[in-house]
Amino acid sequence: MPNEIDDYQVFFGCSDFSGLFRGRAVSSLEYKRRLNTGCGWVPADQSLTPFGEIGPANPFGSLGDLRLIPDQKAEYKVKCDEMLSPLHFLLCDINNLDGTPWDCCARNYLKQGIKLLNENYGLSLTIGFEHEFTIIDPDLMPEPVFSMRAFRKEEKFISILAKCLNETKIIAENFLPEYGVNQFEVPTSAKAPLAAADDAVAFREIVKEVSRVTSRKLSLSPKLTPESVGNGVHLHLSLENGSGTNVSEDRNKKGALSKEFSAFCAGILRHIDSVAALSAPSPISYLRLKPHHWSASYNTISVQDREAAIRICPEIKHKNRKFSSFRAEVRVGDATSSPYLHLGSIIHAGLIGLEKNLQVHRFTESDPSEMTSKEKKKLGLKRLPRSLGESMNSLSSDADFRKSAKPLFWECYRDMRSTELAYTKKMSEKELCNSYRKIF
């Protein structure tokens, strides 16, 4: 690692309702002294849209004070020759002044879901994130998709990114030149839920920093143009018992889902519209969630179908493998969502499935968009929301799901998204793509 300058800035930040990472920086010479007390924060900051507007009907106004309290287990630091100073940041919880978690903290929303899953059912999850992004420099000549030429063209960028990820113990499973022009996918190794979400927040900041210092413009936005291949964030999850054994699979059942995992997945499907309001939370998200876009468009679960909302992944068979790799992949979300809200919404919906002992009874084996209305009704299939407004209305009427957070949480979230909808209301699809491409 190159020699570091003695004094640089360390960022204390939070992944907020808008899906962006915001906070304040302190000197590297004194940041350790601030770990227990953090730094000040303002309630109305949680009402900021991606475009920087504060929701006019937010429940806070100019009142109140909070603290960003760093989690020392979520500290990330990388340095390369191209950086003037290290990229050094800590992920924070948003707390009240008395040290209790603030009702509108996205990270706490996830932590509460993890806690309930463990305390009420003795279960935990292992989570892997798949990140997709597109390099958008206009002068790039595209290479064939999935090709080594497409990979080697970005050798410097990928090599620096890989080095930075390794320094932070974010392990990339592979670097895949994807189907879209100049598009890449980076799946990261599975971890416990909070660590996986923390790494997802960190990944976005690291990949943006590497793009900056290598003069490569990139975007994680779900759609760069109305016609382009979309960028998603897929979550791979498996259910474990208290001893860390994968309990997701029962080979004697259709789809091979265990009773517990079936209940968990059924909860996600029953509340998929509310999950979408948190995991696909921007107007542009719904340009991606359409039939034949290899994302998700119906409330479906299927075996190895990349159009399903939940895909049951194939288990890797190997004579030396001593553990189960059986898992499900939830394909609805994208990078306009905070990883804490994205994963948190899935866990809270799964908890409802466990509480009500729901079960998955049908797996789709063909394209729902080509079924008759009678066939879809028989299978209980319906389109996912076609707009953010539609998903937010579904969330407002979903009393069971809304129990997952305090009323203040939903009041703040709805106001922020309503402000975002009002700001983008008159934008064409092309203008939406241009706007979100620049932000994400």
Protein backbone atom coordinates (compact mmCIF):
# COMPACT_ATOMS: atom_id res chain seq x y z
CA MET A 1 0.00 0.00 0.00
CA PRO A 2 1.35 3.50 -0.83
CA ASN A 3 2.40 5.77 2.02
CA GLU A 4 -0.55 7.56 3.55
CA ILE A 5 -0.81 11.21 4.41
CA ASP A 6 -1.01 11.75 8.16
CA ASP A 7 -4.24 13.70 8.29
CA TYR A 8 -7.22 12.96 6.09
CA GLN A 9 -10.97 12.77 6.58
CA VAL A 10 -12.89 9.73 7.84
CA PHE A 11 -16.56 9.62 6.89
CA PHE A 12 -19.29 8.69 9.38
CA GLY A 13 -22.33 7.85 7.24
CA CYS A 14 -25.72 6.20 7.02
CA SER A 15 -27.58 4.60 4.14
CA ASP A 16 -30.82 6.55 4.22
CA PHE A 17 -34.37 6.21 2.88
CA SER A 18 -33.29 7.63 -0.49
CA GLY A 19 -30.77 4.83 -0.99
CA LEU A 20 -27.81 7.23 -0.80
CA PHE A 21 -24.94 7.25 1.69
CA ARG A 22 -24.88 10.53 3.61
CA GLY A 23 -23.09 11.77 6.70
CA ARG A 24 -20.18 13.85 7.99
CA ALA A 25 -16.40 13.58 7.98
CA VAL A 26 -13.98 13.92 10.89
CA SER A 27 -10.20 14.06 11.05
CA SER A 28 -8.34 10.74 10.94
CA LEU A 29 -6.23 12.03 13.84
CA GLU A 30 -9.21 12.10 16.18
CA TYR A 31 -11.88 9.81 14.67
CA LYS A 32 -11.23 7.03 17.22
CA ARG A 33 -12.07 9.46 20.01
CA ARG A 34 -15.44 10.00 18.33
CA LEU A 35 -16.42 6.35 17.93
CA ASN A 36 -18.60 6.23 21.04
CA THR A 37 -20.27 9.61 20.60
CA GLY A 38 -20.36 9.85 16.81
CA CYS A 39 -21.48 13.08 15.24
CA GLY A 40 -24.64 15.12 14.99
CA TRP A 41 -27.47 14.44 12.57
CA VAL A 42 -30.82 16.05 11.80
CA PRO A 43 -34.16 14.18 11.62
CA ALA A 44 -35.29 15.98 8.46
CA ASP A 45 -32.22 14.60 6.64
CA GLN A 46 -34.09 11.30 6.43
CA SER A 47 -36.70 13.06 4.32
CA LEU A 48 -34.19 13.98 1.59
CA THR A 49 -35.07 12.60 -1.82
CA PRO A 50 -32.32 11.43 -4.20
CA PHE A 51 -32.63 14.86 -5.83
CA GLY A 52 -31.83 16.69 -2.57
CA GLU A 53 -35.30 17.97 -1.74
CA ILE A 54 -36.63 17.65 1.80
CA GLY A 55 -40.23 16.44 1.83
CA PRO A 56 -42.43 19.48 2.66
CA ALA A 57 -44.80 17.40 4.80
CA ASN A 58 -42.07 15.57 6.69
CA PRO A 59 -42.90 15.01 10.38
CA PHE A 60 -39.83 16.83 11.72
CA GLY A 61 -39.49 20.25 10.15
CA SER A 62 -36.49 22.10 11.56
CA LEU A 63 -36.75 20.45 14.98
CA GLY A 64 -34.71 17.76 16.69
CA ASP A 65 -31.21 16.34 16.98
CA LEU A 66 -29.80 12.85 16.51
CA ARG A 67 -26.42 11.12 16.55
CA LEU A 68 -24.70 9.05 13.89
CA ILE A 69 -23.04 6.33 15.97
CA PRO A 70 -20.40 4.31 14.08
CA ASP A 71 -20.43 0.53 14.28
CA GLN A 72 -16.77 -0.41 14.70
CA LYS A 73 -17.48 -3.77 13.03
CA ALA A 74 -18.52 -1.87 9.91
CA GLU A 75 -15.32 0.08 9.24
CA TYR A 76 -13.95 0.15 5.67
CA LYS A 77 -10.63 1.54 4.49
CA VAL A 78 -8.92 1.25 1.10
CA LYS A 79 -6.02 2.99 -0.59
CA CYS A 80 -4.48 2.78 -4.03
CA ASP A 81 -1.95 4.82 -6.01
CA GLU A 82 -4.71 6.72 -7.79
CA MET A 83 -6.21 8.02 -4.51
CA LEU A 84 -4.88 11.16 -2.88
CA SER A 85 -6.04 9.94 0.53
CA PRO A 86 -7.58 6.69 1.76
CA LEU A 87 -11.25 6.03 1.26
CA HIS A 88 -12.08 5.46 4.92
CA PHE A 89 -15.60 5.31 6.30
CA LEU A 90 -17.73 3.75 9.03
CA LEU A 91 -21.37 2.76 8.78
CA CYS A 92 -23.54 4.24 11.47
CA ASP A 93 -26.76 3.66 13.33
CA ILE A 94 -28.98 6.70 13.77
CA ASN A 95 -29.69 7.05 17.49
CA ASN A 96 -31.63 9.38 19.73
CA LEU A 97 -29.60 11.53 22.09
CA ASP A 98 -30.24 9.04 24.92
CA GLY A 99 -28.58 6.27 22.86
CA THR A 100 -31.76 4.43 21.87
CA PRO A 101 -32.33 3.54 18.20
CA TRP A 102 -34.24 6.17 16.25
CA ASP A 103 -37.56 4.98 14.83
CA CYS A 104 -36.57 5.96 11.28
CA CYS A 105 -33.13 4.35 11.14
CA ALA A 106 -33.00 2.02 8.12
CA ARG A 107 -30.16 -0.05 9.61
CA ASN A 108 -32.18 -0.58 12.79
CA TYR A 109 -35.16 -1.71 10.67
CA LEU A 110 -33.01 -4.55 9.36
CA LYS A 111 -31.55 -5.32 12.79
CA GLN A 112 -35.03 -5.67 14.28
CA GLY A 113 -36.01 -8.20 11.60
CA ILE A 114 -32.84 -10.22 12.24
CA LYS A 115 -33.53 -10.18 15.98
CA LEU A 116 -37.15 -11.34 15.63
CA LEU A 117 -36.19 -14.18 13.29
CA ASN A 118 -33.69 -15.46 15.84
CA GLU A 119 -35.68 -14.88 19.02
CA ASN A 120 -39.07 -16.09 17.77
CA TYR A 121 -37.97 -19.00 15.55
CA GLY A 122 -34.35 -19.79 16.39
CA LEU A 123 -33.45 -19.10 12.77
CA SER A 124 -30.98 -16.95 10.91
CA LEU A 125 -30.17 -16.20 7.29
CA THR A 126 -27.11 -16.31 5.11
CA ILE A 127 -27.23 -13.56 2.48
CA GLY A 128 -25.33 -12.92 -0.74
CA PHE A 129 -25.77 -9.77 -2.83
CA GLU A 130 -25.40 -9.57 -6.61
CA HIS A 131 -24.49 -6.08 -7.81
CA GLU A 132 -24.92 -4.91 -11.40
CA PHE A 133 -23.58 -1.69 -12.88
CA THR A 134 -22.88 -0.20 -16.28
CA ILE A 135 -19.86 1.79 -17.42
CA ILE A 136 -21.29 4.73 -19.33
CA ASP A 137 -18.34 6.51 -20.94
CA PRO A 138 -19.67 7.58 -24.35
CA ASP A 139 -16.46 6.85 -26.25
CA LEU A 140 -16.34 3.16 -25.34
CA MET A 141 -16.65 0.72 -28.22
CA PRO A 142 -18.72 -2.20 -26.88
CA GLU A 143 -17.22 -5.66 -26.97
CA PRO A 144 -19.27 -8.87 -27.34
CA VAL A 145 -21.38 -9.53 -24.23
CA PHE A 146 -20.08 -12.09 -21.71
CA SER A 147 -16.74 -12.09 -23.55
CA MET A 148 -13.21 -12.02 -22.20
CA ARG A 149 -12.60 -9.02 -24.45
CA ALA A 150 -15.32 -7.11 -22.58
CA PHE A 151 -13.62 -8.10 -19.32
CA ARG A 152 -10.08 -7.24 -20.42
CA LYS A 153 -11.11 -3.88 -21.80
CA GLU A 154 -11.72 -2.82 -18.20
CA GLU A 155 -8.63 -4.55 -16.79
CA LYS A 156 -7.35 -1.54 -14.84
CA PHE A 157 -10.73 -0.66 -13.37
CA ILE A 158 -11.52 -4.25 -12.34
CA SER A 159 -8.04 -4.92 -10.95
CA ILE A 160 -8.19 -1.85 -8.70
CA LEU A 161 -11.76 -2.67 -7.67
CA ALA A 162 -10.79 -6.26 -6.81
CA LYS A 163 -7.84 -5.05 -4.73
CA CYS A 164 -10.00 -2.57 -2.83
CA LEU A 165 -12.69 -5.15 -2.13
CA ASN A 166 -10.12 -7.65 -0.88
CA GLU A 167 -8.70 -5.04 1.51
CA THR A 168 -12.12 -4.65 3.10
CA LYS A 169 -12.84 -8.40 3.23
CA ILE A 170 -15.66 -8.02 0.70
CA ILE A 171 -15.07 -11.18 -1.31
CA ALA A 172 -16.17 -11.05 -4.94
CA GLU A 173 -17.30 -14.47 -6.18
CA ASN A 174 -16.46 -13.39 -9.73
CA PHE A 175 -16.46 -10.43 -12.12
CA LEU A 176 -18.91 -11.04 -14.93
CA PRO A 177 -19.16 -9.01 -18.15
CA GLU A 178 -22.94 -8.99 -18.39
CA TYR A 179 -25.59 -9.03 -21.13
CA GLY A 180 -25.89 -5.25 -21.36
CA VAL A 181 -23.44 -3.06 -23.26
CA ASN A 182 -20.50 -2.31 -20.92
CA GLN A 183 -22.45 -3.89 -18.06
CA PHE A 184 -20.86 -5.89 -15.24
CA GLU A 185 -22.07 -8.04 -12.38
CA VAL A 186 -20.21 -8.68 -9.12
CA PRO A 187 -21.76 -11.25 -6.75
CA THR A 188 -20.25 -11.18 -3.27
CA SER A 189 -19.80 -14.08 -0.86
CA ALA A 190 -22.61 -14.91 1.53
CA LYS A 191 -22.51 -13.54 5.05
CA ALA A 192 -24.78 -12.96 8.02
CA PRO A 193 -27.55 -10.47 7.13
CA LEU A 194 -26.23 -7.30 8.80
CA ALA A 195 -22.68 -7.86 7.56
CA ALA A 196 -23.99 -8.62 4.06
CA ALA A 197 -26.04 -5.41 3.97
CA ASP A 198 -23.12 -3.39 5.37
CA ASP A 199 -20.90 -4.80 2.63
CA ALA A 200 -23.53 -3.90 0.03
CA VAL A 201 -23.52 -0.28 1.20
CA ALA A 202 -19.73 -0.28 1.17
CA PHE A 203 -19.52 -1.93 -2.25
CA ARG A 204 -21.46 0.93 -3.86
CA GLU A 205 -19.18 3.56 -2.34
CA ILE A 206 -16.03 1.65 -3.27
CA VAL A 207 -17.08 1.00 -6.86
CA LYS A 208 -17.98 4.68 -7.28
CA GLU A 209 -14.63 5.74 -5.81
CA VAL A 210 -12.73 3.40 -8.15
CA SER A 211 -14.66 4.79 -11.09
CA ARG A 212 -13.72 8.31 -10.00
CA VAL A 213 -9.98 7.69 -9.67
CA THR A 214 -9.81 5.68 -12.91
CA SER A 215 -11.84 8.29 -14.84
CA ARG A 216 -14.55 5.77 -15.61
CA LYS A 217 -18.13 6.95 -15.33
CA LEU A 218 -20.53 4.26 -14.17
CA SER A 219 -24.07 3.94 -12.94
CA LEU A 220 -25.92 1.42 -10.78
CA SER A 221 -29.29 2.89 -11.79
CA PRO A 222 -31.93 0.29 -12.73
CA LYS A 223 -32.32 1.75 -16.22
CA LEU A 224 -29.88 3.91 -18.19
CA THR A 225 -32.22 4.31 -21.16
CA PRO A 226 -35.79 3.03 -21.61
CA GLU A 227 -34.48 0.36 -24.00
CA SER A 228 -31.31 -0.70 -22.14
CA VAL A 229 -30.73 -3.84 -20.11
CA GLY A 230 -31.54 -3.09 -16.48
CA ASN A 231 -29.24 -3.13 -13.46
CA GLY A 232 -30.69 -5.11 -10.57
CA VAL A 233 -29.59 -6.09 -7.08
CA HIS A 234 -30.45 -9.74 -6.49
CA LEU A 235 -30.40 -11.27 -3.02
CA HIS A 236 -29.48 -14.92 -2.44
CA LEU A 237 -30.74 -16.26 0.87
CA SER A 238 -30.79 -19.51 2.78
CA LEU A 239 -32.29 -20.29 6.17
CA GLU A 240 -30.17 -21.70 9.00
CA ASN A 241 -30.90 -23.10 12.43
CA GLY A 242 -29.08 -22.15 15.63
CA SER A 243 -26.13 -24.40 14.87
CA GLY A 244 -25.57 -22.87 11.45
CA THR A 245 -27.02 -25.77 9.43
CA ASN A 246 -28.88 -24.91 6.22
CA VAL A 247 -32.53 -25.86 6.84
CA SER A 248 -33.93 -24.47 3.59
CA GLU A 249 -34.28 -27.76 1.76
CA ASP A 250 -36.62 -30.75 1.88
CA ARG A 251 -36.06 -32.93 -1.16
CA ASN A 252 -39.33 -34.78 -0.59
CA LYS A 253 -41.37 -31.68 -1.36
CA LYS A 254 -42.09 -29.96 -4.65
CA GLY A 255 -39.58 -27.20 -5.19
CA ALA A 256 -37.54 -28.82 -2.38
CA LEU A 257 -38.49 -26.09 0.10
CA SER A 258 -38.51 -27.04 3.76
CA LYS A 259 -41.61 -26.15 5.75
CA GLU A 260 -39.85 -23.17 7.37
CA PHE A 261 -38.35 -21.87 4.15
CA SER A 262 -41.63 -22.36 2.30
CA ALA A 263 -43.39 -20.24 4.94
CA PHE A 264 -40.69 -17.58 4.68
CA CYS A 265 -40.92 -17.43 0.87
CA ALA A 266 -44.73 -17.47 0.96
CA GLY A 267 -44.64 -14.42 3.22
CA ILE A 268 -42.45 -12.59 0.72
CA LEU A 269 -44.84 -13.45 -2.12
CA ARG A 270 -47.95 -12.44 -0.18
CA HIS A 271 -46.43 -9.05 0.65
CA ILE A 272 -44.38 -8.62 -2.54
CA ASP A 273 -46.01 -5.26 -3.38
CA SER A 274 -44.92 -3.84 -0.02
CA VAL A 275 -41.48 -5.39 -0.44
CA ALA A 276 -41.26 -3.65 -3.83
CA ALA A 277 -42.10 -0.30 -2.22
CA LEU A 278 -38.88 -0.62 -0.19
CA SER A 279 -36.63 -2.65 -2.50
CA ALA A 280 -37.62 -1.16 -5.89
CA PRO A 281 -38.42 2.26 -4.47
CA SER A 282 -37.99 4.78 -7.28
CA PRO A 283 -40.10 5.72 -10.30
CA ILE A 284 -37.41 4.34 -12.58
CA SER A 285 -37.47 0.93 -10.86
CA TYR A 286 -40.68 0.05 -12.67
CA LEU A 287 -39.14 0.44 -16.11
CA ARG A 288 -37.17 -2.69 -15.19
CA LEU A 289 -39.93 -4.77 -13.58
CA LYS A 290 -41.60 -5.80 -16.84
CA PRO A 291 -42.15 -9.14 -18.59
CA HIS A 292 -39.21 -10.46 -20.61
CA HIS A 293 -36.68 -8.20 -18.86
CA TRP A 294 -35.04 -11.01 -16.82
CA SER A 295 -36.03 -9.26 -13.61
CA ALA A 296 -39.50 -9.90 -12.16
CA SER A 297 -42.98 -8.90 -13.22
CA TYR A 298 -45.35 -11.29 -11.41
CA ASN A 299 -45.61 -12.59 -7.84
CA THR A 300 -44.07 -15.87 -8.94
CA ILE A 301 -41.75 -18.47 -7.46
CA SER A 302 -40.09 -20.90 -9.81
CA VAL A 303 -37.20 -23.32 -10.11
CA GLN A 304 -34.30 -21.76 -12.05
CA ASP A 305 -36.46 -19.14 -13.84
CA ARG A 306 -34.79 -15.72 -14.07
CA GLU A 307 -38.13 -14.03 -14.76
CA ALA A 308 -39.55 -15.10 -11.38
CA ALA A 309 -39.77 -12.81 -8.36
CA ILE A 310 -38.21 -15.66 -6.37
CA ARG A 311 -35.94 -18.14 -8.15
CA ILE A 312 -35.02 -21.44 -6.52
CA CYS A 313 -31.35 -21.85 -7.41
CA PRO A 314 -29.78 -25.17 -8.38
CA GLU A 315 -27.74 -26.89 -5.71
CA ILE A 316 -24.13 -27.52 -6.62
CA LYS A 317 -23.33 -31.23 -6.39
CA HIS A 318 -19.77 -32.10 -5.47
CA LYS A 319 -18.37 -35.14 -3.72
CA ASN A 320 -16.24 -33.00 -1.40
CA ARG A 321 -19.02 -30.54 -0.50
CA LYS A 322 -20.09 -31.11 3.11
CA PHE A 323 -22.79 -28.48 3.30
CA SER A 324 -25.96 -27.58 1.44
CA SER A 325 -25.85 -24.75 -1.09
CA PHE A 326 -29.64 -24.75 -1.51
CA ARG A 327 -30.99 -21.20 -1.59
CA ALA A 328 -33.53 -18.81 -3.11
CA GLU A 329 -32.87 -15.64 -5.07
CA VAL A 330 -35.17 -12.62 -4.70
CA ARG A 331 -34.94 -10.61 -7.93
CA VAL A 332 -37.16 -7.56 -7.35
CA GLY A 333 -34.73 -5.00 -5.91
CA ASP A 334 -32.29 -2.48 -7.34
CA ALA A 335 -29.62 -0.01 -6.21
CA THR A 336 -32.01 2.90 -5.65
CA SER A 337 -32.91 1.08 -2.42
CA SER A 338 -30.88 1.14 0.76
CA PRO A 339 -29.59 -2.41 1.32
CA TYR A 340 -31.03 -2.18 4.83
CA LEU A 341 -34.54 -1.51 3.54
CA HIS A 342 -34.13 -3.96 0.69
CA LEU A 343 -33.10 -6.89 2.88
CA GLY A 344 -35.15 -5.68 5.85
CA SER A 345 -38.38 -5.71 3.83
CA ILE A 346 -37.72 -9.29 2.71
CA ILE A 347 -37.04 -10.49 6.26
CA HIS A 348 -40.10 -8.75 7.72
CA ALA A 349 -42.33 -10.22 4.98
CA GLY A 350 -40.80 -13.65 5.60
CA LEU A 351 -41.53 -13.29 9.31
CA ILE A 352 -45.23 -12.83 8.52
CA GLY A 353 -45.11 -16.05 6.52
CA LEU A 354 -43.61 -17.89 9.49
CA GLU A 355 -46.05 -16.34 11.96
CA LYS A 356 -49.09 -17.29 9.85
CA ASN A 357 -47.61 -20.64 8.78
CA LEU A 358 -48.09 -19.83 5.11
CA GLN A 359 -46.87 -22.30 2.48
CA VAL A 360 -45.89 -22.16 -1.18
CA HIS A 361 -48.30 -24.42 -3.04
CA ARG A 362 -47.55 -23.66 -6.68
CA PHE A 363 -44.43 -23.06 -8.71
CA THR A 364 -44.69 -21.51 -12.15
CA GLU A 365 -43.24 -23.47 -15.04
CA SER A 366 -44.11 -21.12 -17.90
CA ASP A 367 -44.28 -17.41 -18.68
CA PRO A 368 -47.17 -15.77 -16.75
CA SER A 369 -47.42 -12.96 -19.32
CA GLU A 370 -48.46 -15.56 -21.91
CA MET A 371 -51.05 -17.28 -19.69
CA THR A 372 -54.77 -16.64 -19.97
CA SER A 373 -56.53 -14.70 -17.23
CA LYS A 374 -58.14 -17.97 -16.11
CA GLU A 375 -54.77 -19.71 -15.83
CA LYS A 376 -53.25 -16.85 -13.85
CA LYS A 377 -56.25 -16.71 -11.51
CA LYS A 378 -55.99 -20.45 -10.86
CA LEU A 379 -52.34 -20.04 -9.87
CA GLY A 380 -53.00 -16.87 -7.87
CA LEU A 381 -50.70 -14.81 -10.10
CA LYS A 382 -50.80 -11.05 -10.42
CA ARG A 383 -48.55 -8.41 -11.87
CA LEU A 384 -46.16 -6.65 -9.57
CA PRO A 385 -46.85 -2.93 -9.18
CA ARG A 386 -46.34 -1.04 -12.44
CA SER A 387 -45.32 2.20 -10.75
CA LEU A 388 -43.94 3.54 -7.48
CA GLY A 389 -47.31 5.16 -6.77
CA GLU A 390 -49.02 1.78 -7.08
CA SER A 391 -46.54 0.06 -4.77
CA MET A 392 -46.78 2.85 -2.20
CA ASN A 393 -50.59 2.57 -2.20
CA SER A 394 -50.26 -1.18 -1.64
CA LEU A 395 -47.89 -0.53 1.24
CA SER A 396 -50.32 1.95 2.82
CA SER A 397 -53.09 -0.67 2.88
CA ASP A 398 -50.88 -3.56 4.07
CA ALA A 399 -51.62 -3.48 7.80
CA ASP A 400 -49.70 -6.66 8.62
CA PHE A 401 -46.52 -5.52 6.90
CA ARG A 402 -46.69 -2.02 8.37
CA LYS A 403 -46.40 -3.54 11.85
CA SER A 404 -42.72 -4.09 11.02
CA ALA A 405 -41.93 -0.45 11.89
CA LYS A 406 -43.27 2.43 13.95
CA PRO A 407 -45.83 4.89 12.45
CA LEU A 408 -43.16 7.63 12.33
CA PHE A 409 -41.05 5.43 10.03
CA TRP A 410 -43.87 5.07 7.52
CA GLU A 411 -44.92 8.72 7.77
CA CYS A 412 -41.39 9.85 6.95
CA TYR A 413 -40.90 7.27 4.20
CA ARG A 414 -44.19 8.05 2.48
CA ASP A 415 -43.53 11.80 2.54
CA MET A 416 -40.07 11.36 1.04
CA ARG A 417 -41.28 9.09 -1.77
CA SER A 418 -44.31 11.32 -2.45
CA THR A 419 -41.96 14.28 -2.84
CA GLU A 420 -39.82 12.24 -5.24
CA LEU A 421 -42.93 11.28 -7.25
CA ALA A 422 -44.05 14.90 -7.47
CA TYR A 423 -40.58 15.97 -8.64
CA THR A 424 -40.47 13.35 -11.40
CA LYS A 425 -44.15 13.41 -12.37
CA LYS A 426 -43.72 15.27 -15.64
CA MET A 427 -40.51 13.54 -16.72
CA SER A 428 -40.55 11.34 -19.77
CA GLU A 429 -39.03 7.86 -19.51
CA LYS A 430 -35.88 9.18 -21.18
CA GLU A 431 -35.65 12.09 -18.72
CA LEU A 432 -36.14 9.70 -15.79
CA CYS A 433 -33.29 7.53 -17.02
CA ASN A 434 -30.98 10.50 -17.49
CA SER A 435 -31.77 11.87 -14.03
CA TYR A 436 -31.28 8.65 -12.05
CA ARG A 437 -28.25 7.62 -14.08
CA LYS A 438 -26.41 10.68 -12.79
CA ILE A 439 -27.35 10.12 -9.13
CA PHE A 440 -26.88 6.36 -8.77
